Amino acid sequence: MSQNKADFLLFTAAFVWGSSYGFMKLGAETMPPVSIAALRCLFAFLILLPFFMKRLRKTDGKILKYSAITGFLIAGVFIGVIYGVIGTSASTAGFLISTSVIMVPILHGLWIQRMPSFPIMLGTAIVTAGLFILNGVTSISLDKGFVLCLLAAFLYALDILFTNTFVSKVDSLLLGLWQMGFAGIIAGAVSLLLETPRLPHTLPEWTAILGLAVFSSAYGFTIQAVAQEYTTPERAGFIFSLEPVFAAIFAYFFLGENMGIGELAGAALILLGVWAAGGTLKLPAWMRSR
């Protein structure tokens, strides 16, 4: 698979993740929040299982170990996001969760002991500004929600980095399958501790859970595992930064939420930052001459 095709697949993953906020909003109105995280992952695992029956014979201890690690990170992201949004403003939560795009190049640079390239650094700065404007952040207070959202972003960045490492060592499709199972089990255990879990009862609840399971979890995270084998974690992180842009577009067309000048400007900056990080911008002449 070419890097361009891999990047396009990651683009589609960011697209379906952007649509997931509508499903989450629909389900969270009546269902226990962590139950939503557990059910979306467990149903995703069950949906994927029939397609990978022949591959299951290749499952070994290494695949299960790596899947448990990424599954733990995914469950942590979902739970952190749910309780982070409850504990702080929506705009602050949206911005903080999206800061994973900043963390990925920094953590990867520390991992490989090399500073990020100029396009990556420039793209990071532009995307950060775009996220700040898109989410309408006017002030940030250091509260419980702040910490949980930042933790979710950190776990998301780790998931991108670990996935990038693991897919070169094991079957990426099996990794995508088993990580959903582990994420569902972990989120289910947390749900038992923090709330009274239950299955969906109404049509809107089933729509929310199945929408999240099919599009966001089964498709999105499996495609991430497959495509990241052929691209860099930095590029993946920048492509995933488009998620709030797609979320705003879906909210405008399907939830009746307005997109003001700030949202449009923020989205434009994010697109510019992703383009810059793609390496199409060259170093200034005075920097290249050194």
Protein backbone atom coordinates (compact mmCIF):
# COMPACT_ATOMS: atom_id res chain seq x y z
CA MET A 1 0.00 0.00 0.00
CA SER A 2 1.33 3.45 -0.91
CA GLN A 3 1.63 6.19 1.70
CA ASN A 4 -0.93 8.30 -0.17
CA LYS A 5 -3.48 5.47 -0.03
CA ALA A 6 -2.73 4.93 3.66
CA ASP A 7 -3.17 8.64 4.34
CA PHE A 8 -6.49 8.60 2.47
CA LEU A 9 -7.72 5.68 4.60
CA LEU A 10 -6.72 7.58 7.75
CA PHE A 11 -8.61 10.56 6.32
CA THR A 12 -11.76 8.40 6.09
CA ALA A 13 -11.21 7.26 9.69
CA ALA A 14 -11.06 10.88 10.84
CA PHE A 15 -14.23 11.50 8.82
CA VAL A 16 -16.24 8.76 10.56
CA TRP A 17 -14.82 9.77 13.97
CA GLY A 18 -16.08 13.28 13.31
CA SER A 19 -19.57 11.86 12.81
CA SER A 20 -19.36 9.95 16.10
CA TYR A 21 -20.07 13.02 18.23
CA GLY A 22 -23.66 13.07 17.01
CA PHE A 23 -24.11 9.42 17.99
CA MET A 24 -22.46 10.05 21.38
CA LYS A 25 -24.74 13.01 22.03
CA LEU A 26 -27.77 10.88 21.13
CA GLY A 27 -26.79 8.01 23.42
CA ALA A 28 -25.52 10.09 26.34
CA GLU A 29 -28.94 11.69 26.83
CA THR A 30 -30.33 8.53 28.46
CA MET A 31 -27.57 5.89 28.82
CA PRO A 32 -24.77 5.52 31.41
CA PRO A 33 -21.68 7.10 29.78
CA VAL A 34 -19.07 4.37 30.31
CA SER A 35 -21.60 1.75 29.21
CA ILE A 36 -21.64 3.49 25.84
CA ALA A 37 -17.86 3.12 25.57
CA ALA A 38 -17.99 -0.55 26.56
CA LEU A 39 -20.87 -1.48 24.25
CA ARG A 40 -19.48 0.32 21.20
CA CYS A 41 -16.22 -1.65 21.51
CA LEU A 42 -17.80 -5.02 22.31
CA PHE A 43 -20.32 -4.71 19.47
CA ALA A 44 -17.51 -3.64 17.12
CA PHE A 45 -15.59 -6.79 18.09
CA LEU A 46 -18.64 -8.97 17.41
CA ILE A 47 -19.29 -7.21 14.08
CA LEU A 48 -15.69 -7.74 12.92
CA LEU A 49 -15.39 -11.32 14.17
CA PRO A 50 -17.17 -13.09 11.24
CA PHE A 51 -14.89 -11.35 8.72
CA PHE A 52 -11.71 -12.59 10.39
CA MET A 53 -12.59 -16.19 11.26
CA LYS A 54 -9.87 -17.62 9.01
CA ARG A 55 -7.28 -15.20 10.36
CA LEU A 56 -8.07 -16.08 13.97
CA ARG A 57 -5.84 -19.15 13.63
CA LYS A 58 -2.89 -16.76 13.35
CA THR A 59 -3.64 -15.26 16.77
CA ASP A 60 -0.71 -15.74 19.14
CA GLY A 61 0.54 -14.37 22.43
CA LYS A 62 2.25 -11.40 20.78
CA ILE A 63 -0.94 -10.27 19.04
CA LEU A 64 -2.94 -10.59 22.25
CA LYS A 65 -0.31 -8.68 24.24
CA TYR A 66 -0.13 -5.82 21.75
CA SER A 67 -3.93 -5.73 21.40
CA ALA A 68 -4.32 -5.56 25.18
CA ILE A 69 -1.99 -2.53 25.28
CA THR A 70 -3.77 -0.60 22.51
CA GLY A 71 -7.16 -1.74 23.84
CA PHE A 72 -6.29 -0.33 27.25
CA LEU A 73 -5.28 2.98 25.65
CA ILE A 74 -8.47 3.16 23.58
CA ALA A 75 -10.64 2.43 26.63
CA GLY A 76 -8.73 5.10 28.56
CA VAL A 77 -9.33 7.63 25.80
CA PHE A 78 -13.08 6.95 25.71
CA ILE A 79 -13.48 7.10 29.50
CA GLY A 80 -11.28 10.19 29.83
CA VAL A 81 -13.25 11.99 27.14
CA ILE A 82 -16.61 11.11 28.70
CA TYR A 83 -15.76 12.32 32.20
CA GLY A 84 -13.58 15.15 30.95
CA VAL A 85 -16.45 16.68 29.01
CA ILE A 86 -18.64 16.40 32.12
CA GLY A 87 -16.03 18.18 34.26
CA THR A 88 -15.16 21.15 32.03
CA SER A 89 -16.61 23.31 29.26
CA ALA A 90 -17.25 21.73 25.88
CA SER A 91 -14.93 24.16 24.07
CA THR A 92 -12.07 23.53 26.49
CA ALA A 93 -12.60 19.77 26.30
CA GLY A 94 -12.60 19.82 22.50
CA PHE A 95 -9.36 21.76 22.40
CA LEU A 96 -7.56 19.70 25.06
CA ILE A 97 -8.52 16.34 23.54
CA SER A 98 -7.23 17.53 20.17
CA THR A 99 -3.82 18.41 21.62
CA SER A 100 -2.76 14.84 20.84
CA VAL A 101 -1.62 16.32 17.51
CA ILE A 102 0.99 18.29 19.48
CA MET A 103 1.99 15.35 21.64
CA VAL A 104 2.58 12.85 18.82
CA PRO A 105 5.59 14.58 17.18
CA ILE A 106 7.05 15.46 20.60
CA LEU A 107 6.71 11.91 21.97
CA HIS A 108 7.91 10.39 18.70
CA GLY A 109 10.91 12.73 18.70
CA LEU A 110 11.79 11.60 22.22
CA TRP A 111 11.23 7.97 21.17
CA ILE A 112 13.64 8.11 18.21
CA GLN A 113 15.86 10.78 19.82
CA ARG A 114 15.48 13.20 16.93
CA MET A 115 13.80 16.59 16.71
CA PRO A 116 10.69 16.86 14.50
CA SER A 117 11.28 18.34 11.04
CA PHE A 118 10.52 21.97 10.21
CA PRO A 119 7.25 21.15 8.33
CA ILE A 120 6.06 19.09 11.31
CA MET A 121 6.87 21.88 13.79
CA LEU A 122 5.23 24.50 11.57
CA GLY A 123 2.18 22.33 10.99
CA THR A 124 1.87 21.67 14.73
CA ALA A 125 1.85 25.38 15.52
CA ILE A 126 -0.75 26.18 12.82
CA VAL A 127 -3.03 23.26 13.74
CA THR A 128 -2.86 24.19 17.44
CA ALA A 129 -3.98 27.73 16.63
CA GLY A 130 -6.76 26.36 14.43
CA LEU A 131 -7.98 23.99 17.14
CA PHE A 132 -7.99 26.83 19.67
CA ILE A 133 -10.12 29.01 17.39
CA LEU A 134 -12.38 26.20 16.13
CA ASN A 135 -13.34 25.16 19.65
CA GLY A 136 -14.00 28.76 20.71
CA VAL A 137 -11.73 28.58 23.75
CA THR A 138 -11.78 31.86 25.67
CA SER A 139 -10.23 30.68 28.94
CA ILE A 140 -8.86 27.48 30.45
CA SER A 141 -9.13 26.55 34.11
CA LEU A 142 -7.08 23.80 35.73
CA ASP A 143 -9.88 21.57 37.05
CA LYS A 144 -10.67 17.85 37.09
CA GLY A 145 -12.10 17.96 33.58
CA PHE A 146 -8.94 19.69 32.31
CA VAL A 147 -6.74 16.91 33.69
CA LEU A 148 -8.95 14.11 32.33
CA CYS A 149 -9.15 15.62 28.85
CA LEU A 150 -5.39 16.14 28.76
CA LEU A 151 -4.91 12.55 29.94
CA ALA A 152 -7.22 11.33 27.15
CA ALA A 153 -5.16 13.27 24.60
CA PHE A 154 -1.94 11.77 26.00
CA LEU A 155 -3.35 8.23 25.80
CA TYR A 156 -4.55 8.91 22.25
CA ALA A 157 -1.06 10.05 21.26
CA LEU A 158 0.41 6.90 22.83
CA ASP A 159 -2.13 4.78 20.94
CA ILE A 160 -0.96 6.29 17.64
CA LEU A 161 2.71 5.65 18.50
CA PHE A 162 2.21 2.12 19.82
CA THR A 163 0.00 1.21 16.86
CA ASN A 164 2.71 2.47 14.51
CA THR A 165 5.21 0.15 16.22
CA PHE A 166 2.98 -2.90 16.58
CA VAL A 167 1.63 -3.06 13.00
CA SER A 168 5.12 -3.79 11.68
CA LYS A 169 5.37 -6.84 13.95
CA VAL A 170 1.92 -8.49 13.80
CA ASP A 171 -1.12 -8.84 11.53
CA SER A 172 -2.68 -5.35 11.58
CA LEU A 173 -6.21 -6.66 10.94
CA LEU A 174 -6.01 -9.01 13.92
CA LEU A 175 -4.62 -6.17 16.02
CA GLY A 176 -7.61 -4.04 15.01
CA LEU A 177 -10.00 -6.85 15.92
CA TRP A 178 -8.59 -7.89 19.29
CA GLN A 179 -7.97 -4.34 20.54
CA MET A 180 -11.72 -3.70 20.26
CA GLY A 181 -12.41 -6.77 22.39
CA PHE A 182 -9.93 -5.73 25.06
CA ALA A 183 -11.17 -2.12 25.05
CA GLY A 184 -14.74 -3.34 25.55
CA ILE A 185 -13.78 -5.62 28.45
CA ILE A 186 -11.76 -2.89 30.18
CA ALA A 187 -14.48 -0.24 29.71
CA GLY A 188 -17.07 -2.78 30.86
CA ALA A 189 -15.13 -3.41 34.08
CA VAL A 190 -14.93 0.33 34.74
CA SER A 191 -18.65 0.64 34.03
CA LEU A 192 -19.39 -2.00 36.69
CA LEU A 193 -17.37 0.03 39.21
CA LEU A 194 -18.76 3.49 38.43
CA GLU A 195 -22.34 2.99 37.27
CA THR A 196 -25.12 0.50 36.60
CA PRO A 197 -24.46 -0.78 33.07
CA ARG A 198 -27.34 -1.74 30.80
CA LEU A 199 -28.14 -2.54 27.19
CA PRO A 200 -29.93 -0.02 24.95
CA HIS A 201 -33.72 0.03 25.38
CA THR A 202 -34.99 2.45 22.76
CA LEU A 203 -34.49 3.01 19.02
CA PRO A 204 -32.38 6.18 19.57
CA GLU A 205 -30.15 4.30 22.02
CA TRP A 206 -29.65 1.38 19.62
CA THR A 207 -28.99 3.84 16.78
CA ALA A 208 -26.31 5.56 18.85
CA ILE A 209 -24.57 2.35 19.97
CA LEU A 210 -24.67 0.64 16.56
CA GLY A 211 -23.58 3.83 14.80
CA LEU A 212 -20.58 4.14 17.10
CA ALA A 213 -19.82 0.41 16.87
CA VAL A 214 -19.99 0.10 13.08
CA PHE A 215 -18.50 3.37 11.85
CA SER A 216 -16.32 4.81 14.61
CA SER A 217 -15.02 1.64 16.28
CA ALA A 218 -15.19 -1.29 13.82
CA TYR A 219 -14.23 0.73 10.76
CA GLY A 220 -12.26 3.65 12.20
CA PHE A 221 -9.89 1.86 14.56
CA THR A 222 -9.37 -1.13 12.25
CA ILE A 223 -8.49 1.16 9.35
CA GLN A 224 -6.12 3.04 11.67
CA ALA A 225 -4.29 -0.18 12.51
CA VAL A 226 -4.04 -1.22 8.84
CA ALA A 227 -3.08 2.16 7.36
CA GLN A 228 -0.54 3.18 10.00
CA GLU A 229 1.75 0.40 8.77
CA TYR A 230 2.37 2.49 5.66
CA THR A 231 2.71 6.02 7.01
CA THR A 232 4.38 7.89 9.85
CA PRO A 233 2.85 8.58 13.27
CA GLU A 234 3.24 12.33 12.71
CA ARG A 235 1.24 12.21 9.48
CA ALA A 236 -1.40 10.07 11.18
CA GLY A 237 -1.64 12.56 14.04
CA PHE A 238 -2.11 15.50 11.70
CA ILE A 239 -4.74 13.71 9.63
CA PHE A 240 -6.61 12.82 12.83
CA SER A 241 -6.57 16.52 13.78
CA LEU A 242 -9.22 16.93 11.05
CA GLU A 243 -11.68 15.07 13.29
CA PRO A 244 -13.07 18.23 14.98
CA VAL A 245 -13.43 19.85 11.55
CA PHE A 246 -15.61 16.96 10.38
CA ALA A 247 -17.45 17.03 13.71
CA ALA A 248 -18.33 20.70 13.16
CA ILE A 249 -19.50 19.96 9.60
CA PHE A 250 -21.70 17.07 10.74
CA ALA A 251 -23.09 19.19 13.57
CA TYR A 252 -24.00 21.90 11.07
CA PHE A 253 -25.79 19.63 8.59
CA PHE A 254 -27.36 17.03 10.89
CA LEU A 255 -27.68 18.64 14.33
CA GLY A 256 -28.61 22.16 13.25
CA GLU A 257 -25.59 23.76 14.96
CA ASN A 258 -24.26 26.94 13.35
CA MET A 259 -20.71 27.42 12.09
CA GLY A 260 -19.60 30.99 12.71
CA ILE A 261 -16.60 32.88 11.40
CA GLY A 262 -14.47 31.50 14.24
CA GLU A 263 -15.28 27.88 13.39
CA LEU A 264 -14.62 28.47 9.68
CA ALA A 265 -11.33 30.25 10.39
CA GLY A 266 -10.24 27.50 12.78
CA ALA A 267 -11.09 24.79 10.25
CA ALA A 268 -9.14 26.63 7.55
CA LEU A 269 -6.09 26.89 9.81
CA ILE A 270 -6.24 23.17 10.62
CA LEU A 271 -6.35 22.32 6.91
CA LEU A 272 -3.41 24.68 6.29
CA GLY A 273 -1.47 23.07 9.14
CA VAL A 274 -2.09 19.55 7.82
CA TRP A 275 -0.92 20.67 4.38
CA ALA A 276 2.19 22.30 5.84
CA ALA A 277 3.03 19.21 7.89
CA GLY A 278 2.81 17.08 4.77
CA GLY A 279 6.21 18.39 3.78
CA THR A 280 5.05 20.47 0.83
CA LEU A 281 6.49 23.59 2.43
CA LYS A 282 10.25 23.93 2.14
CA LEU A 283 12.59 25.54 4.62
CA PRO A 284 13.20 29.24 4.05
CA ALA A 285 16.30 29.96 1.95
CA TRP A 286 18.17 31.53 4.87
CA MET A 287 17.64 28.35 6.91
CA ARG A 288 18.63 26.00 4.06
CA SER A 289 21.89 27.86 3.51
CA ARG A 290 23.14 27.01 7.00
